[in-house]
Amino acid sequence: IQRTFQFKDFVHAMKFVTEVADAAEARQHHPDILIRYNKVTLTLSTHDAGGITEKDFEFAEMADKMVAS
C-alpha cells in the first residue's frame, strides 16, 4: 500500500513523520517513508508475511486519521 500526503510546508510534513514514527514504534510495524519537501510518501507491507496484511490496512487508516485531525 502506498500513499502520498501533502502538507503546507516542510515543517508540517516533518511533524507528521514524527507522529508516524511514534506510532510505528508502538506497533512494531514500520513503513518505508519518503520525504520530498512538503510531501510524505508512506509505503506499507508486512515483510514477515511477504506482502500486505491487515496490519498494513490498519496503519494506513491510522495515518489518514492523523492527517484529518
N, C-alpha and C. Protein backbone atom coordinates (compact mmCIF):
# COMPACT_ATOMS: atom_id res chain seq x y z
N ILE A 1 0.87 -1.17 0.00
CA ILE A 1 0.00 0.00 0.00
C ILE A 1 0.91 1.22 0.00
N GLN A 2 0.59 2.19 -0.83
CA GLN A 2 1.38 3.41 -0.86
C GLN A 2 0.46 4.61 -0.97
N ARG A 3 0.81 5.66 -0.22
CA ARG A 3 0.04 6.89 -0.29
C ARG A 3 0.95 8.07 -0.06
N THR A 4 0.71 9.15 -0.80
CA THR A 4 1.46 10.38 -0.63
C THR A 4 0.55 11.42 0.01
N PHE A 5 1.06 12.04 1.06
CA PHE A 5 0.35 13.10 1.78
C PHE A 5 1.05 14.42 1.48
N GLN A 6 0.27 15.47 1.26
CA GLN A 6 0.85 16.79 1.00
C GLN A 6 0.50 17.72 2.15
N PHE A 7 1.50 18.51 2.57
CA PHE A 7 1.34 19.40 3.71
C PHE A 7 1.64 20.84 3.30
N LYS A 8 1.35 21.75 4.20
CA LYS A 8 1.55 23.18 3.96
C LYS A 8 3.01 23.49 3.66
N ASP A 9 3.92 22.84 4.39
CA ASP A 9 5.34 23.11 4.22
C ASP A 9 6.15 21.96 4.82
N PHE A 10 7.46 22.09 4.78
CA PHE A 10 8.37 21.05 5.27
C PHE A 10 8.17 20.77 6.75
N VAL A 11 7.99 21.81 7.55
CA VAL A 11 7.84 21.64 9.00
C VAL A 11 6.61 20.80 9.31
N HIS A 12 5.50 21.06 8.65
CA HIS A 12 4.29 20.27 8.89
C HIS A 12 4.47 18.82 8.42
N ALA A 13 5.18 18.65 7.33
CA ALA A 13 5.46 17.29 6.85
C ALA A 13 6.28 16.53 7.88
N MET A 14 7.27 17.19 8.46
CA MET A 14 8.13 16.53 9.44
C MET A 14 7.38 16.22 10.74
N LYS A 15 6.44 17.07 11.12
CA LYS A 15 5.62 16.77 12.30
C LYS A 15 4.83 15.48 12.07
N PHE A 16 4.29 15.34 10.87
CA PHE A 16 3.56 14.11 10.52
C PHE A 16 4.49 12.90 10.58
N VAL A 17 5.69 13.04 10.03
CA VAL A 17 6.66 11.93 10.04
C VAL A 17 6.97 11.52 11.48
N THR A 18 7.11 12.48 12.37
CA THR A 18 7.38 12.18 13.77
C THR A 18 6.22 11.40 14.39
N GLU A 19 4.99 11.81 14.09
CA GLU A 19 3.82 11.08 14.59
C GLU A 19 3.79 9.65 14.05
N VAL A 20 4.09 9.51 12.77
CA VAL A 20 4.12 8.18 12.15
C VAL A 20 5.19 7.32 12.80
N ALA A 21 6.36 7.90 13.04
CA ALA A 21 7.45 7.14 13.66
C ALA A 21 7.07 6.65 15.05
N ASP A 22 6.43 7.52 15.83
CA ASP A 22 6.00 7.13 17.18
C ASP A 22 4.98 5.99 17.11
N ALA A 23 4.03 6.11 16.19
CA ALA A 23 3.01 5.06 16.04
C ALA A 23 3.63 3.76 15.55
N ALA A 24 4.58 3.86 14.65
CA ALA A 24 5.25 2.67 14.12
C ALA A 24 6.01 1.93 15.22
N GLU A 25 6.70 2.67 16.05
CA GLU A 25 7.43 2.05 17.15
C GLU A 25 6.47 1.36 18.12
N ALA A 26 5.38 2.03 18.44
CA ALA A 26 4.40 1.47 19.37
C ALA A 26 3.80 0.17 18.84
N ARG A 27 3.63 0.09 17.52
CA ARG A 27 3.01 -1.08 16.89
C ARG A 27 4.04 -2.10 16.39
N GLN A 28 5.31 -1.72 16.42
CA GLN A 28 6.37 -2.56 15.83
C GLN A 28 6.03 -2.92 14.38
N HIS A 29 5.56 -1.91 13.67
CA HIS A 29 5.20 -2.05 12.25
C HIS A 29 5.67 -0.78 11.56
N HIS A 30 6.72 -0.88 10.77
CA HIS A 30 7.43 0.31 10.28
C HIS A 30 7.28 0.48 8.77
N PRO A 31 6.67 1.59 8.35
CA PRO A 31 6.54 1.84 6.91
C PRO A 31 7.85 2.37 6.34
N ASP A 32 8.00 2.25 5.03
CA ASP A 32 9.05 2.98 4.34
C ASP A 32 8.53 4.41 4.18
N ILE A 33 9.40 5.39 4.41
CA ILE A 33 8.99 6.79 4.38
C ILE A 33 9.89 7.55 3.42
N LEU A 34 9.26 8.26 2.48
CA LEU A 34 9.98 9.12 1.55
C LEU A 34 9.51 10.55 1.79
N ILE A 35 10.45 11.45 2.01
CA ILE A 35 10.13 12.86 2.28
C ILE A 35 10.66 13.70 1.13
N ARG A 36 9.79 14.49 0.53
CA ARG A 36 10.17 15.44 -0.51
C ARG A 36 9.52 16.78 -0.20
N TYR A 37 10.27 17.62 0.50
CA TYR A 37 9.83 18.94 0.97
C TYR A 37 8.51 18.84 1.72
N ASN A 38 7.38 19.12 1.08
CA ASN A 38 6.10 19.13 1.80
C ASN A 38 5.27 17.88 1.51
N LYS A 39 5.89 16.88 0.89
CA LYS A 39 5.18 15.63 0.58
C LYS A 39 5.85 14.46 1.29
N VAL A 40 5.01 13.60 1.85
CA VAL A 40 5.49 12.41 2.54
C VAL A 40 4.78 11.20 1.93
N THR A 41 5.56 10.25 1.47
CA THR A 41 5.01 9.02 0.91
C THR A 41 5.28 7.88 1.88
N LEU A 42 4.21 7.20 2.28
CA LEU A 42 4.32 6.02 3.13
C LEU A 42 4.08 4.79 2.26
N THR A 43 4.94 3.81 2.40
CA THR A 43 4.77 2.52 1.72
C THR A 43 4.70 1.45 2.79
N LEU A 44 3.60 0.71 2.79
CA LEU A 44 3.34 -0.29 3.82
C LEU A 44 3.29 -1.69 3.24
N SER A 45 3.98 -2.59 3.91
CA SER A 45 3.86 -4.02 3.64
C SER A 45 4.37 -4.74 4.88
N THR A 46 3.97 -5.98 5.02
CA THR A 46 4.41 -6.77 6.16
C THR A 46 5.49 -7.72 5.65
N HIS A 47 6.73 -7.36 5.91
CA HIS A 47 7.86 -8.10 5.36
C HIS A 47 7.86 -9.56 5.81
N ASP A 48 7.51 -9.81 7.07
CA ASP A 48 7.48 -11.19 7.58
C ASP A 48 6.49 -12.06 6.82
N ALA A 49 5.39 -11.44 6.38
CA ALA A 49 4.35 -12.19 5.67
C ALA A 49 4.59 -12.21 4.16
N GLY A 50 5.53 -11.39 3.71
CA GLY A 50 5.82 -11.36 2.28
C GLY A 50 4.79 -10.63 1.46
N GLY A 51 4.06 -9.71 2.08
CA GLY A 51 3.04 -8.96 1.34
C GLY A 51 2.24 -8.06 2.25
N ILE A 52 1.05 -7.77 1.82
CA ILE A 52 0.17 -6.86 2.56
C ILE A 52 -0.75 -7.67 3.46
N THR A 53 -0.88 -7.20 4.71
CA THR A 53 -1.76 -7.85 5.68
C THR A 53 -2.69 -6.81 6.29
N GLU A 54 -3.54 -7.28 7.16
CA GLU A 54 -4.48 -6.39 7.87
C GLU A 54 -3.73 -5.30 8.63
N LYS A 55 -2.53 -5.61 9.14
CA LYS A 55 -1.73 -4.61 9.86
C LYS A 55 -1.46 -3.40 8.98
N ASP A 56 -1.25 -3.62 7.70
CA ASP A 56 -0.96 -2.53 6.77
C ASP A 56 -2.19 -1.66 6.56
N PHE A 57 -3.34 -2.29 6.39
CA PHE A 57 -4.57 -1.52 6.22
C PHE A 57 -4.89 -0.71 7.48
N GLU A 58 -4.67 -1.30 8.64
CA GLU A 58 -4.90 -0.60 9.91
C GLU A 58 -3.96 0.60 10.05
N PHE A 59 -2.70 0.41 9.68
CA PHE A 59 -1.73 1.51 9.78
C PHE A 59 -2.10 2.62 8.80
N ALA A 60 -2.51 2.26 7.60
CA ALA A 60 -2.92 3.25 6.60
C ALA A 60 -4.11 4.06 7.09
N GLU A 61 -5.07 3.40 7.69
CA GLU A 61 -6.24 4.09 8.24
C GLU A 61 -5.82 5.05 9.35
N MET A 62 -4.91 4.62 10.20
CA MET A 62 -4.42 5.47 11.27
C MET A 62 -3.71 6.70 10.71
N ALA A 63 -2.91 6.53 9.67
CA ALA A 63 -2.21 7.66 9.05
C ALA A 63 -3.21 8.65 8.46
N ASP A 64 -4.26 8.15 7.82
CA ASP A 64 -5.30 9.02 7.29
C ASP A 64 -5.94 9.84 8.40
N LYS A 65 -6.20 9.21 9.53
CA LYS A 65 -6.81 9.91 10.67
C LYS A 65 -5.87 10.96 11.25
N MET A 66 -4.56 10.68 11.25
CA MET A 66 -3.59 11.67 11.73
C MET A 66 -3.67 12.95 10.90
N VAL A 67 -3.77 12.79 9.60
CA VAL A 67 -3.81 13.94 8.70
C VAL A 67 -5.13 14.68 8.85
N ALA A 68 -6.21 13.96 9.06
CA ALA A 68 -7.54 14.57 9.17
C ALA A 68 -7.71 15.38 10.45
N SER A 69 -6.93 15.05 11.48
CA SER A 69 -7.12 15.75 12.77
C SER A 69 -6.28 17.00 12.87
